[in-house]
Amino acid sequence: MTPQHGQTSQQCQNNYVIEPEKLNYQPGEILQVNVHGKTNIDLFKGVLLIAYDINNNVVGTWATTDTNVQTIACGYDNGGITHVDNTDKQNIIAYWNSKQTSSASAIVKFKATIVKQYSVFYVGCFNAILTLNNVSTETTSSSLATSESLFMSESLSTTTPATMDIGVDIMWTYTDGLTTVTIIANNLQVQQWIGFGLSLDDKMV
């Protein structure tokens, strides 16, 4: 994702944003993704936008009606989005198709390279993370309704059934000064919570 401009990537800044319309997805779903400056003076000339799974494989395909960008082959046809020309841009809009697959990735990361000027660009600094939405609305609603009934009857049990083990996956990446942390919890009940702490030393003080 590094432009061949004879320069190295700049230190990461927070002046650009990847903004999907939501942060979870279903296989086969199409999501709008907006890449824009943090303020209206944070313009950019170039962009390369790609979606990766947890193993850094390119996933999904792209389409766009935005005349500032076009699809590009990254791993396969329409695997990424890039700029059409080097004019200043305030934002671009593209559409990511997650594709219908039985092996959909639990985590999808949108990554963008942003070119502010020919010799000033940022590689791997801007990310947005999607999680696979594999819990049905019916199941969620049923769990909430049951919990509300228990609260009303004042007979709430805090014991988790043996068949409902709670699984927690914590993943993080560190790139050019930016740490991205993803937490996935399975079977977490309404009355339960997860604590997560960060510290500059190994004693958490």
Protein backbone atom coordinates (compact mmCIF):
# COMPACT_ATOMS: atom_id res chain seq x y z
CA MET A 1 0.00 0.00 0.00
CA THR A 2 3.03 2.27 -0.30
CA PRO A 3 3.10 4.77 -3.20
CA GLN A 4 6.22 4.61 -5.39
CA HIS A 5 6.96 8.32 -4.95
CA GLY A 6 10.59 8.03 -3.90
CA GLN A 7 9.71 9.05 -0.33
CA THR A 8 8.93 7.26 2.93
CA SER A 9 5.60 7.39 4.72
CA GLN A 10 5.01 10.23 7.16
CA GLN A 11 4.49 9.64 10.88
CA CYS A 12 0.82 8.86 11.52
CA GLN A 13 -1.56 11.72 12.15
CA ASN A 14 -5.28 11.76 12.95
CA ASN A 15 -6.30 14.20 10.23
CA TYR A 16 -8.18 11.68 8.04
CA VAL A 17 -11.04 9.30 8.81
CA ILE A 18 -12.41 6.05 7.33
CA GLU A 19 -16.12 6.04 8.15
CA PRO A 20 -18.25 2.99 7.26
CA GLU A 21 -22.00 3.42 7.64
CA LYS A 22 -21.94 0.87 10.47
CA LEU A 23 -19.43 -1.28 12.34
CA ASN A 24 -20.91 -4.75 11.82
CA TYR A 25 -21.92 -6.65 8.71
CA GLN A 26 -23.69 -9.70 7.33
CA PRO A 27 -22.27 -11.89 4.53
CA GLY A 28 -23.44 -10.51 1.19
CA GLU A 29 -24.20 -7.07 2.62
CA ILE A 30 -23.12 -3.87 0.81
CA LEU A 31 -21.85 -1.02 3.00
CA GLN A 32 -21.12 2.58 2.14
CA VAL A 33 -17.65 3.75 3.19
CA ASN A 34 -16.65 7.41 3.36
CA VAL A 35 -13.03 8.58 3.52
CA HIS A 36 -12.69 12.23 4.48
CA GLY A 37 -10.57 14.82 6.21
CA LYS A 38 -11.09 15.43 9.91
CA THR A 39 -11.81 19.09 9.11
CA ASN A 40 -12.73 20.85 5.87
CA ILE A 41 -9.11 21.98 5.39
CA ASP A 42 -7.73 18.42 5.57
CA LEU A 43 -7.71 17.76 1.84
CA PHE A 44 -5.98 14.90 0.04
CA LYS A 45 -4.96 14.18 -3.53
CA GLY A 46 -4.78 10.39 -3.52
CA VAL A 47 -6.23 7.38 -1.71
CA LEU A 48 -5.93 3.60 -1.74
CA LEU A 49 -8.67 1.80 0.21
CA ILE A 50 -8.63 -1.99 0.78
CA ALA A 51 -10.48 -4.39 3.10
CA TYR A 52 -8.54 -7.18 4.85
CA ASP A 53 -9.56 -10.13 6.99
CA ILE A 54 -7.88 -11.10 10.26
CA ASN A 55 -5.13 -12.93 8.31
CA ASN A 56 -4.41 -9.88 6.09
CA ASN A 57 -6.09 -11.41 3.05
CA VAL A 58 -7.97 -9.02 0.77
CA VAL A 59 -11.73 -9.58 1.19
CA GLY A 60 -14.85 -8.34 -0.57
CA THR A 61 -15.19 -6.25 -3.69
CA TRP A 62 -15.67 -2.54 -4.28
CA ALA A 63 -17.87 -0.35 -6.46
CA THR A 64 -18.40 3.41 -6.65
CA THR A 65 -20.42 6.13 -8.33
CA ASP A 66 -18.02 8.82 -7.09
CA THR A 67 -16.24 10.36 -10.10
CA ASN A 68 -13.13 11.05 -7.98
CA VAL A 69 -12.30 7.36 -7.52
CA GLN A 70 -12.33 4.05 -9.36
CA THR A 71 -11.96 0.35 -8.55
CA ILE A 72 -8.55 -1.28 -8.89
CA ALA A 73 -7.30 -4.88 -8.91
CA CYS A 74 -5.82 -5.70 -5.48
CA GLY A 75 -5.51 -9.46 -5.08
CA TYR A 76 -8.29 -9.77 -7.67
CA ASP A 77 -10.56 -7.53 -9.79
CA ASN A 78 -12.26 -4.71 -7.86
CA GLY A 79 -10.30 -5.55 -4.72
CA GLY A 80 -9.60 -1.90 -3.89
CA ILE A 81 -10.48 1.74 -4.49
CA THR A 82 -8.09 4.43 -5.71
CA HIS A 83 -8.18 8.03 -7.00
CA VAL A 84 -8.76 9.00 -10.63
CA ASP A 85 -6.56 12.13 -10.60
CA ASN A 86 -4.43 14.25 -8.25
CA THR A 87 -6.90 17.09 -7.64
CA ASP A 88 -7.62 18.06 -4.03
CA LYS A 89 -10.46 16.08 -2.45
CA GLN A 90 -12.39 16.62 0.75
CA ASN A 91 -13.99 13.17 0.77
CA ILE A 92 -14.67 10.10 -1.37
CA ILE A 93 -17.47 7.54 -1.20
CA ALA A 94 -17.28 3.87 -2.15
CA TYR A 95 -19.33 0.72 -1.58
CA TRP A 96 -17.89 -2.47 -0.13
CA ASN A 97 -19.59 -5.80 -0.92
CA SER A 98 -18.79 -8.37 1.74
CA LYS A 99 -19.79 -11.20 -0.66
CA GLN A 100 -21.95 -14.13 0.36
CA THR A 101 -19.68 -16.76 1.89
CA SER A 102 -19.95 -19.40 4.60
CA SER A 103 -16.42 -18.57 5.79
CA ALA A 104 -16.95 -14.85 6.35
CA SER A 105 -14.24 -13.23 8.47
CA ALA A 106 -15.16 -12.39 12.08
CA ILE A 107 -13.06 -9.23 11.72
CA VAL A 108 -12.69 -7.02 8.64
CA LYS A 109 -10.34 -4.07 8.65
CA PHE A 110 -10.58 -1.20 6.15
CA LYS A 111 -7.13 0.30 5.63
CA ALA A 112 -6.29 3.42 3.63
CA THR A 113 -3.17 5.03 2.27
CA ILE A 114 -3.72 8.78 2.01
CA VAL A 115 -1.64 11.06 -0.24
CA LYS A 116 -1.76 14.68 0.89
CA GLN A 117 0.87 15.79 -1.62
CA TYR A 118 3.19 13.86 -3.91
CA SER A 119 5.94 13.71 -1.27
CA VAL A 120 3.64 13.67 1.78
CA PHE A 121 1.61 10.50 2.32
CA TYR A 122 0.46 8.21 5.13
CA VAL A 123 0.57 4.41 4.87
CA GLY A 124 -1.44 2.15 7.19
CA CYS A 125 -2.37 5.01 9.53
CA PHE A 126 -6.12 5.04 8.99
CA ASN A 127 -8.28 2.04 9.86
CA ALA A 128 -11.88 1.09 10.54
CA ILE A 129 -12.86 -2.32 11.92
CA LEU A 130 -16.03 -4.27 11.19
CA THR A 131 -17.20 -7.34 13.09
CA LEU A 132 -19.34 -10.11 11.68
CA ASN A 133 -22.87 -9.84 13.01
CA ASN A 134 -23.67 -13.48 13.74
CA VAL A 135 -26.21 -12.96 16.54
CA SER A 136 -29.80 -12.71 15.32
CA THR A 137 -32.09 -9.91 16.47
CA GLU A 138 -34.60 -12.51 17.72
CA THR A 139 -32.02 -14.10 20.04
CA THR A 140 -30.90 -10.70 21.38
CA SER A 141 -34.47 -9.53 22.00
CA SER A 142 -35.35 -12.80 23.73
CA SER A 143 -32.34 -12.53 26.05
CA LEU A 144 -33.23 -8.95 26.98
CA ALA A 145 -36.87 -9.83 27.62
CA THR A 146 -35.91 -12.74 29.88
CA SER A 147 -33.49 -10.57 31.85
CA GLU A 148 -36.08 -7.82 32.30
CA SER A 149 -38.58 -10.38 33.65
CA LEU A 150 -36.02 -11.67 36.14
CA PHE A 151 -35.25 -8.15 37.35
CA MET A 152 -38.96 -7.42 37.83
CA SER A 153 -39.46 -10.58 39.89
CA GLU A 154 -36.34 -9.79 41.95
CA SER A 155 -35.10 -13.33 41.43
CA LEU A 156 -32.16 -12.63 39.15
CA SER A 157 -29.49 -15.32 39.28
CA THR A 158 -25.90 -14.25 38.58
CA THR A 159 -24.78 -17.83 37.92
CA THR A 160 -23.87 -18.50 34.30
CA PRO A 161 -25.13 -21.87 33.03
CA ALA A 162 -22.37 -24.36 32.26
CA THR A 163 -23.51 -24.51 28.64
CA MET A 164 -23.06 -20.72 28.23
CA ASP A 165 -19.31 -20.31 28.63
CA ILE A 166 -18.14 -16.77 27.96
CA GLY A 167 -15.39 -16.47 25.38
CA VAL A 168 -13.31 -13.32 25.01
CA ASP A 169 -10.85 -12.67 22.18
CA ILE A 170 -8.59 -9.62 22.44
CA MET A 171 -6.47 -8.65 19.44
CA TRP A 172 -4.27 -5.67 18.86
CA THR A 173 -1.94 -4.26 16.24
CA TYR A 174 0.67 -1.53 16.52
CA THR A 175 1.64 0.39 13.39
CA ASP A 176 3.58 3.66 13.23
CA GLY A 177 2.52 4.82 16.68
CA LEU A 178 -1.13 3.75 16.39
CA THR A 179 -2.46 0.87 18.53
CA THR A 180 -5.73 -0.73 17.40
CA VAL A 181 -7.49 -2.96 19.95
CA THR A 182 -10.40 -5.28 19.10
CA ILE A 183 -12.43 -7.13 21.75
CA ILE A 184 -14.94 -9.85 20.80
CA ALA A 185 -17.12 -11.37 23.54
CA ASN A 186 -19.40 -14.36 23.03
CA ASN A 187 -22.36 -15.26 25.29
CA LEU A 188 -21.98 -12.15 27.46
CA GLN A 189 -25.22 -11.76 29.40
CA VAL A 190 -27.04 -8.50 30.19
CA GLN A 191 -26.00 -8.59 33.86
CA GLN A 192 -22.32 -9.28 33.06
CA TRP A 193 -19.47 -7.03 32.00
CA ILE A 194 -15.85 -7.12 30.86
CA GLY A 195 -13.06 -4.96 32.24
CA PHE A 196 -10.02 -4.05 30.16
CA GLY A 197 -7.10 -1.92 31.30
CA LEU A 198 -3.99 -0.41 29.71
CA SER A 199 -0.84 0.71 31.49
CA LEU A 200 2.60 2.04 30.64
CA ASP A 201 4.24 -0.58 32.90
CA ASP A 202 3.82 -4.33 33.46
CA LYS A 203 2.40 -3.91 36.98
CA MET A 204 -0.75 -2.04 35.93
CA VAL A 205 -0.22 0.74 38.51
